[in-house]
Amino acid sequence: MEKNKLHAFRNFIIPRRFNYEVEDIEKSLKDLSDILFAKIVLSDDRDIKEIHIITKDSSNPKRITRDIESFLLA
């Protein structure tokens, strides 16, 4: 695998490798509106494999998803 290879995610081009501290990103995600808990699971290659989110009952899932995508792509 190429180290700097890019791949597409929902029509966005993002770096293949996740080079940030996961704990810092999880903490920042919890600061988004309505998010109570965030956990990021990385693959062995440091690709984002899973994102687990717990929100308030009144949260709109589509809005939360868009907020997370926007945050990670910023």
PDB file of N, CA and C in Angstrom:
ATOM      1  N   MET A   1       0.814  -1.187   0.000  1.00  0.00           N
ATOM      2  CA  MET A   1       0.000   0.000   0.000  1.00  0.00           C
ATOM      3  C   MET A   1       0.857   1.250   0.000  1.00  0.00           C
ATOM      4  N   GLU A   2       0.427   2.230  -0.761  1.00  0.00           N
ATOM      5  CA  GLU A   2       1.146   3.500  -0.775  1.00  0.00           C
ATOM      6  C   GLU A   2       0.815   4.290   0.477  1.00  0.00           C
ATOM      7  N   LYS A   3       1.823   4.919   1.057  1.00  0.00           N
ATOM      8  CA  LYS A   3       1.617   5.657   2.295  1.00  0.00           C
ATOM      9  C   LYS A   3       0.757   6.897   2.109  1.00  0.00           C
ATOM     10  N   ASN A   4       0.866   7.568   0.980  1.00  0.00           N
ATOM     11  CA  ASN A   4       0.154   8.831   0.782  1.00  0.00           C
ATOM     12  C   ASN A   4      -1.044   8.695  -0.149  1.00  0.00           C
ATOM     13  N   LYS A   5      -1.506   7.490  -0.340  1.00  0.00           N
ATOM     14  CA  LYS A   5      -2.629   7.250  -1.228  1.00  0.00           C
ATOM     15  C   LYS A   5      -3.887   7.943  -0.701  1.00  0.00           C
ATOM     16  N   LEU A   6      -4.697   8.459  -1.608  1.00  0.00           N
ATOM     17  CA  LEU A   6      -5.957   9.105  -1.241  1.00  0.00           C
ATOM     18  C   LEU A   6      -7.105   8.175  -1.601  1.00  0.00           C
ATOM     19  N   HIS A   7      -8.209   8.299  -0.895  1.00  0.00           N
ATOM     20  CA  HIS A   7      -9.395   7.544  -1.262  1.00  0.00           C
ATOM     21  C   HIS A   7     -10.631   8.413  -1.072  1.00  0.00           C
ATOM     22  N   ALA A   8     -11.714   7.996  -1.688  1.00  0.00           N
ATOM     23  CA  ALA A   8     -12.944   8.788  -1.657  1.00  0.00           C
ATOM     24  C   ALA A   8     -13.836   8.342  -0.509  1.00  0.00           C
ATOM     25  N   PHE A   9     -14.515   9.287   0.095  1.00  0.00           N
ATOM     26  CA  PHE A   9     -15.489   9.014   1.143  1.00  0.00           C
ATOM     27  C   PHE A   9     -16.659   9.946   0.910  1.00  0.00           C
ATOM     28  N   ARG A  10     -17.782   9.401   0.503  1.00  0.00           N
ATOM     29  CA  ARG A  10     -18.986  10.204   0.235  1.00  0.00           C
ATOM     30  C   ARG A  10     -18.681  11.412  -0.641  1.00  0.00           C
ATOM     31  N   ASN A  11     -18.005  11.177  -1.739  1.00  0.00           N
ATOM     32  CA  ASN A  11     -17.653  12.195  -2.729  1.00  0.00           C
ATOM     33  C   ASN A  11     -16.606  13.195  -2.255  1.00  0.00           C
ATOM     34  N   PHE A  12     -15.934  12.932  -1.146  1.00  0.00           N
ATOM     35  CA  PHE A  12     -14.834  13.760  -0.672  1.00  0.00           C
ATOM     36  C   PHE A  12     -13.543  12.969  -0.840  1.00  0.00           C
ATOM     37  N   ILE A  13     -12.459  13.650  -1.108  1.00  0.00           N
ATOM     38  CA  ILE A  13     -11.151  13.010  -1.147  1.00  0.00           C
ATOM     39  C   ILE A  13     -10.456  13.331   0.169  1.00  0.00           C
ATOM     40  N   ILE A  14     -10.092  12.291   0.893  1.00  0.00           N
ATOM     41  CA  ILE A  14      -9.441  12.497   2.184  1.00  0.00           C
ATOM     42  C   ILE A  14      -8.150  11.695   2.237  1.00  0.00           C
ATOM     43  N   PRO A  15      -7.194  12.124   3.038  1.00  0.00           N
ATOM     44  CA  PRO A  15      -5.952  11.358   3.162  1.00  0.00           C
ATOM     45  C   PRO A  15      -6.235   9.964   3.694  1.00  0.00           C
ATOM     46  N   ARG A  16      -5.511   8.992   3.188  1.00  0.00           N
ATOM     47  CA  ARG A  16      -5.724   7.608   3.597  1.00  0.00           C
ATOM     48  C   ARG A  16      -5.361   7.402   5.062  1.00  0.00           C
ATOM     49  N   ARG A  17      -4.279   7.972   5.496  1.00  0.00           N
ATOM     50  CA  ARG A  17      -3.808   7.767   6.873  1.00  0.00           C
ATOM     51  C   ARG A  17      -4.449   8.781   7.813  1.00  0.00           C
ATOM     52  N   PHE A  18      -4.769   8.334   8.997  1.00  0.00           N
ATOM     53  CA  PHE A  18      -5.318   9.203  10.030  1.00  0.00           C
ATOM     54  C   PHE A  18      -4.167   9.547  10.949  1.00  0.00           C
ATOM     55  N   ASN A  19      -3.653  10.770  10.857  1.00  0.00           N
ATOM     56  CA  ASN A  19      -2.411  11.140  11.535  1.00  0.00           C
ATOM     57  C   ASN A  19      -2.608  11.980  12.791  1.00  0.00           C
ATOM     58  N   TYR A  20      -3.784  11.967  13.346  1.00  0.00           N
ATOM     59  CA  TYR A  20      -4.052  12.746  14.548  1.00  0.00           C
ATOM     60  C   TYR A  20      -4.158  11.816  15.749  1.00  0.00           C
ATOM     61  N   GLU A  21      -4.047  12.376  16.934  1.00  0.00           N
ATOM     62  CA  GLU A  21      -4.261  11.589  18.141  1.00  0.00           C
ATOM     63  C   GLU A  21      -5.760  11.321  18.281  1.00  0.00           C
ATOM     64  N   VAL A  22      -6.116  10.074  18.335  1.00  0.00           N
ATOM     65  CA  VAL A  22      -7.523   9.687  18.377  1.00  0.00           C
ATOM     66  C   VAL A  22      -8.230  10.294  19.586  1.00  0.00           C
ATOM     67  N   GLU A  23      -7.568  10.322  20.717  1.00  0.00           N
ATOM     68  CA  GLU A  23      -8.189  10.855  21.930  1.00  0.00           C
ATOM     69  C   GLU A  23      -8.555  12.332  21.772  1.00  0.00           C
ATOM     70  N   ASP A  24      -7.704  13.095  21.090  1.00  0.00           N
ATOM     71  CA  ASP A  24      -7.996  14.515  20.860  1.00  0.00           C
ATOM     72  C   ASP A  24      -9.213  14.691  19.953  1.00  0.00           C
ATOM     73  N   ILE A  25      -9.309  13.868  18.923  1.00  0.00           N
ATOM     74  CA  ILE A  25     -10.444  13.946  18.000  1.00  0.00           C
ATOM     75  C   ILE A  25     -11.727  13.531  18.719  1.00  0.00           C
ATOM     76  N   GLU A  26     -11.662  12.466  19.505  1.00  0.00           N
ATOM     77  CA  GLU A  26     -12.843  12.025  20.255  1.00  0.00           C
ATOM     78  C   GLU A  26     -13.320  13.122  21.207  1.00  0.00           C
ATOM     79  N   LYS A  27     -12.397  13.768  21.882  1.00  0.00           N
ATOM     80  CA  LYS A  27     -12.753  14.856  22.800  1.00  0.00           C
ATOM     81  C   LYS A  27     -13.418  16.005  22.036  1.00  0.00           C
ATOM     82  N   SER A  28     -12.880  16.344  20.879  1.00  0.00           N
ATOM     83  CA  SER A  28     -13.460  17.422  20.072  1.00  0.00           C
ATOM     84  C   SER A  28     -14.841  17.043  19.545  1.00  0.00           C
ATOM     85  N   LEU A  29     -15.022  15.782  19.169  1.00  0.00           N
ATOM     86  CA  LEU A  29     -16.339  15.340  18.705  1.00  0.00           C
ATOM     87  C   LEU A  29     -17.380  15.487  19.815  1.00  0.00           C
ATOM     88  N   LYS A  30     -16.985  15.208  21.057  1.00  0.00           N
ATOM     89  CA  LYS A  30     -17.913  15.336  22.189  1.00  0.00           C
ATOM     90  C   LYS A  30     -18.327  16.786  22.418  1.00  0.00           C
ATOM     91  N   ASP A  31     -17.542  17.724  21.910  1.00  0.00           N
ATOM     92  CA  ASP A  31     -17.886  19.141  22.032  1.00  0.00           C
ATOM     93  C   ASP A  31     -18.941  19.577  21.015  1.00  0.00           C
ATOM     94  N   LEU A  32     -19.193  18.735  20.000  1.00  0.00           N
ATOM     95  CA  LEU A  32     -20.239  19.058  19.028  1.00  0.00           C
ATOM     96  C   LEU A  32     -21.606  18.948  19.703  1.00  0.00           C
ATOM     97  N   SER A  33     -22.557  19.672  19.175  1.00  0.00           N
ATOM     98  CA  SER A  33     -23.903  19.715  19.740  1.00  0.00           C
ATOM     99  C   SER A  33     -24.534  18.322  19.806  1.00  0.00           C
ATOM    100  N   ASP A  34     -25.094  17.972  20.954  1.00  0.00           N
ATOM    101  CA  ASP A  34     -25.868  16.748  21.192  1.00  0.00           C
ATOM    102  C   ASP A  34     -25.048  15.461  21.296  1.00  0.00           C
ATOM    103  N   ILE A  35     -23.736  15.504  21.147  1.00  0.00           N
ATOM    104  CA  ILE A  35     -22.930  14.282  21.240  1.00  0.00           C
ATOM    105  C   ILE A  35     -22.484  14.087  22.684  1.00  0.00           C
ATOM    106  N   LEU A  36     -22.818  12.916  23.228  1.00  0.00           N
ATOM    107  CA  LEU A  36     -22.469  12.591  24.607  1.00  0.00           C
ATOM    108  C   LEU A  36     -21.204  11.737  24.694  1.00  0.00           C
ATOM    109  N   PHE A  37     -20.972  10.882  23.690  1.00  0.00           N
ATOM    110  CA  PHE A  37     -19.835   9.968  23.701  1.00  0.00           C
ATOM    111  C   PHE A  37     -19.365   9.744  22.271  1.00  0.00           C
ATOM    112  N   ALA A  38     -18.048   9.644  22.090  1.00  0.00           N
ATOM    113  CA  ALA A  38     -17.477   9.371  20.765  1.00  0.00           C
ATOM    114  C   ALA A  38     -16.294   8.424  20.922  1.00  0.00           C
ATOM    115  N   LYS A  39     -16.233   7.418  20.068  1.00  0.00           N
ATOM    116  CA  LYS A  39     -15.119   6.469  20.069  1.00  0.00           C
ATOM    117  C   LYS A  39     -14.744   6.181  18.624  1.00  0.00           C
ATOM    118  N   ILE A  40     -13.458   6.353  18.288  1.00  0.00           N
ATOM    119  CA  ILE A  40     -12.953   6.075  16.945  1.00  0.00           C
ATOM    120  C   ILE A  40     -12.109   4.814  17.008  1.00  0.00           C
ATOM    121  N   VAL A  41     -12.366   3.894  16.090  1.00  0.00           N
ATOM    122  CA  VAL A  41     -11.590   2.661  15.984  1.00  0.00           C
ATOM    123  C   VAL A  41     -10.794   2.735  14.690  1.00  0.00           C
ATOM    124  N   LEU A  42      -9.483   2.536  14.799  1.00  0.00           N
ATOM    125  CA  LEU A  42      -8.611   2.571  13.627  1.00  0.00           C
ATOM    126  C   LEU A  42      -8.211   1.162  13.217  1.00  0.00           C
ATOM    127  N   SER A  43      -7.961   0.988  11.922  1.00  0.00           N
ATOM    128  CA  SER A  43      -7.410  -0.274  11.433  1.00  0.00           C
ATOM    129  C   SER A  43      -5.912  -0.300  11.734  1.00  0.00           C
ATOM    130  N   ASP A  44      -5.275  -1.400  11.427  1.00  0.00           N
ATOM    131  CA  ASP A  44      -3.825  -1.510  11.626  1.00  0.00           C
ATOM    132  C   ASP A  44      -3.060  -0.486  10.796  1.00  0.00           C
ATOM    133  N   ASP A  45      -3.643  -0.068   9.669  1.00  0.00           N
ATOM    134  CA  ASP A  45      -3.013   0.922   8.788  1.00  0.00           C
ATOM    135  C   ASP A  45      -3.362   2.355   9.183  1.00  0.00           C
ATOM    136  N   ARG A  46      -4.042   2.538  10.312  1.00  0.00           N
ATOM    137  CA  ARG A  46      -4.468   3.839  10.834  1.00  0.00           C
ATOM    138  C   ARG A  46      -5.543   4.498   9.968  1.00  0.00           C
ATOM    139  N   ASP A  47      -6.299   3.691   9.229  1.00  0.00           N
ATOM    140  CA  ASP A  47      -7.500   4.181   8.555  1.00  0.00           C
ATOM    141  C   ASP A  47      -8.628   4.178   9.582  1.00  0.00           C
ATOM    142  N   ILE A  48      -9.571   5.103   9.453  1.00  0.00           N
ATOM    143  CA  ILE A  48     -10.734   5.053  10.335  1.00  0.00           C
ATOM    144  C   ILE A  48     -11.572   3.851   9.920  1.00  0.00           C
ATOM    145  N   LYS A  49     -11.742   2.944  10.855  1.00  0.00           N
ATOM    146  CA  LYS A  49     -12.508   1.726  10.593  1.00  0.00           C
ATOM    147  C   LYS A  49     -13.950   1.881  11.072  1.00  0.00           C
ATOM    148  N   GLU A  50     -14.118   2.465  12.258  1.00  0.00           N
ATOM    149  CA  GLU A  50     -15.440   2.647  12.842  1.00  0.00           C
ATOM    150  C   GLU A  50     -15.471   3.941  13.649  1.00  0.00           C
ATOM    151  N   ILE A  51     -16.650   4.538  13.716  1.00  0.00           N
ATOM    152  CA  ILE A  51     -16.882   5.670  14.616  1.00  0.00           C
ATOM    153  C   ILE A  51     -18.162   5.359  15.381  1.00  0.00           C
ATOM    154  N   HIS A  52     -18.058   5.331  16.704  1.00  0.00           N
ATOM    155  CA  HIS A  52     -19.209   5.061  17.559  1.00  0.00           C
ATOM    156  C   HIS A  52     -19.613   6.364  18.242  1.00  0.00           C
ATOM    157  N   ILE A  53     -20.892   6.684  18.170  1.00  0.00           N
ATOM    158  CA  ILE A  53     -21.407   7.938  18.718  1.00  0.00           C
ATOM    159  C   ILE A  53     -22.652   7.647  19.555  1.00  0.00           C
ATOM    160  N   ILE A  54     -22.736   8.278  20.715  1.00  0.00           N
ATOM    161  CA  ILE A  54     -23.960   8.265  21.515  1.00  0.00           C
ATOM    162  C   ILE A  54     -24.420   9.714  21.625  1.00  0.00           C
ATOM    163  N   THR A  55     -25.709   9.923  21.318  1.00  0.00           N
ATOM    164  CA  THR A  55     -26.261  11.281  21.315  1.00  0.00           C
ATOM    165  C   THR A  55     -27.466  11.377  22.252  1.00  0.00           C
ATOM    166  N   LYS A  56     -27.931  12.587  22.428  1.00  0.00           N
ATOM    167  CA  LYS A  56     -29.164  12.822  23.176  1.00  0.00           C
ATOM    168  C   LYS A  56     -30.337  12.241  22.389  1.00  0.00           C
ATOM    169  N   ASP A  57     -31.415  11.913  23.086  1.00  0.00           N
ATOM    170  CA  ASP A  57     -32.596  11.326  22.438  1.00  0.00           C
ATOM    171  C   ASP A  57     -33.197  12.217  21.365  1.00  0.00           C
ATOM    172  N   SER A  58     -33.113  13.506  21.549  1.00  0.00           N
ATOM    173  CA  SER A  58     -33.765  14.443  20.635  1.00  0.00           C
ATOM    174  C   SER A  58     -32.941  14.759  19.388  1.00  0.00           C
ATOM    175  N   SER A  59     -31.797  14.137  19.235  1.00  0.00           N
ATOM    176  CA  SER A  59     -30.888  14.460  18.130  1.00  0.00           C
ATOM    177  C   SER A  59     -31.396  13.932  16.798  1.00  0.00           C
ATOM    178  N   ASN A  60     -31.147  14.714  15.751  1.00  0.00           N
ATOM    179  CA  ASN A  60     -31.456  14.297  14.390  1.00  0.00           C
ATOM    180  C   ASN A  60     -30.245  13.532  13.852  1.00  0.00           C
ATOM    181  N   PRO A  61     -30.380  12.233  13.564  1.00  0.00           N
ATOM    182  CA  PRO A  61     -29.227  11.428  13.128  1.00  0.00           C
ATOM    183  C   PRO A  61     -28.539  11.957  11.870  1.00  0.00           C
ATOM    184  N   LYS A  62     -29.325  12.453  10.936  1.00  0.00           N
ATOM    185  CA  LYS A  62     -28.740  12.962   9.697  1.00  0.00           C
ATOM    186  C   LYS A  62     -27.877  14.200   9.967  1.00  0.00           C
ATOM    187  N   ARG A  63     -28.352  15.087  10.849  1.00  0.00           N
ATOM    188  CA  ARG A  63     -27.583  16.289  11.187  1.00  0.00           C
ATOM    189  C   ARG A  63     -26.302  15.922  11.930  1.00  0.00           C
ATOM    190  N   ILE A  64     -26.400  14.974  12.846  1.00  0.00           N
ATOM    191  CA  ILE A  64     -25.218  14.531  13.591  1.00  0.00           C
ATOM    192  C   ILE A  64     -24.183  13.956  12.628  1.00  0.00           C
ATOM    193  N   THR A  65     -24.632  13.124  11.695  1.00  0.00           N
ATOM    194  CA  THR A  65     -23.721  12.532  10.705  1.00  0.00           C
ATOM    195  C   THR A  65     -23.032  13.612   9.891  1.00  0.00           C
ATOM    196  N   ARG A  66     -23.783  14.588   9.440  1.00  0.00           N
ATOM    197  CA  ARG A  66     -23.193  15.688   8.657  1.00  0.00           C
ATOM    198  C   ARG A  66     -22.212  16.505   9.487  1.00  0.00           C
ATOM    199  N   ASP A  67     -22.552  16.749  10.750  1.00  0.00           N
ATOM    200  CA  ASP A  67     -21.641  17.492  11.631  1.00  0.00           C
ATOM    201  C   ASP A  67     -20.317  16.749  11.802  1.00  0.00           C
ATOM    202  N   ILE A  68     -20.388  15.440  11.992  1.00  0.00           N
ATOM    203  CA  ILE A  68     -19.173  14.639  12.177  1.00  0.00           C
ATOM    204  C   ILE A  68     -18.350  14.614  10.896  1.00  0.00           C
ATOM    205  N   GLU A  69     -19.005  14.400   9.766  1.00  0.00           N
ATOM    206  CA  GLU A  69     -18.286  14.400   8.487  1.00  0.00           C
ATOM    207  C   GLU A  69     -17.605  15.740   8.247  1.00  0.00           C
ATOM    208  N   SER A  70     -18.323  16.825   8.476  1.00  0.00           N
ATOM    209  CA  SER A  70     -17.744  18.157   8.275  1.00  0.00           C
ATOM    210  C   SER A  70     -16.561  18.386   9.201  1.00  0.00           C
ATOM    211  N   PHE A  71     -16.701  17.976  10.445  1.00  0.00           N
ATOM    212  CA  PHE A  71     -15.616  18.137  11.410  1.00  0.00           C
ATOM    213  C   PHE A  71     -14.366  17.365  10.977  1.00  0.00           C
ATOM    214  N   LEU A  72     -14.538  16.118  10.563  1.00  0.00           N
ATOM    215  CA  LEU A  72     -13.385  15.289  10.190  1.00  0.00           C
ATOM    216  C   LEU A  72     -12.726  15.744   8.893  1.00  0.00           C
ATOM    217  N   LEU A  73     -13.499  16.356   8.018  1.00  0.00           N
ATOM    218  CA  LEU A  73     -12.939  16.804   6.743  1.00  0.00           C
ATOM    219  C   LEU A  73     -12.357  18.210   6.818  1.00  0.00           C
ATOM    220  N   ALA A  74     -12.624  18.926   7.910  1.00  0.00           N
ATOM    221  CA  ALA A  74     -12.121  20.301   8.059  1.00  0.00           C
ATOM    222  C   ALA A  74     -10.633  20.317   8.353  1.00  0.00           C
TER     223      ALA A  74
END
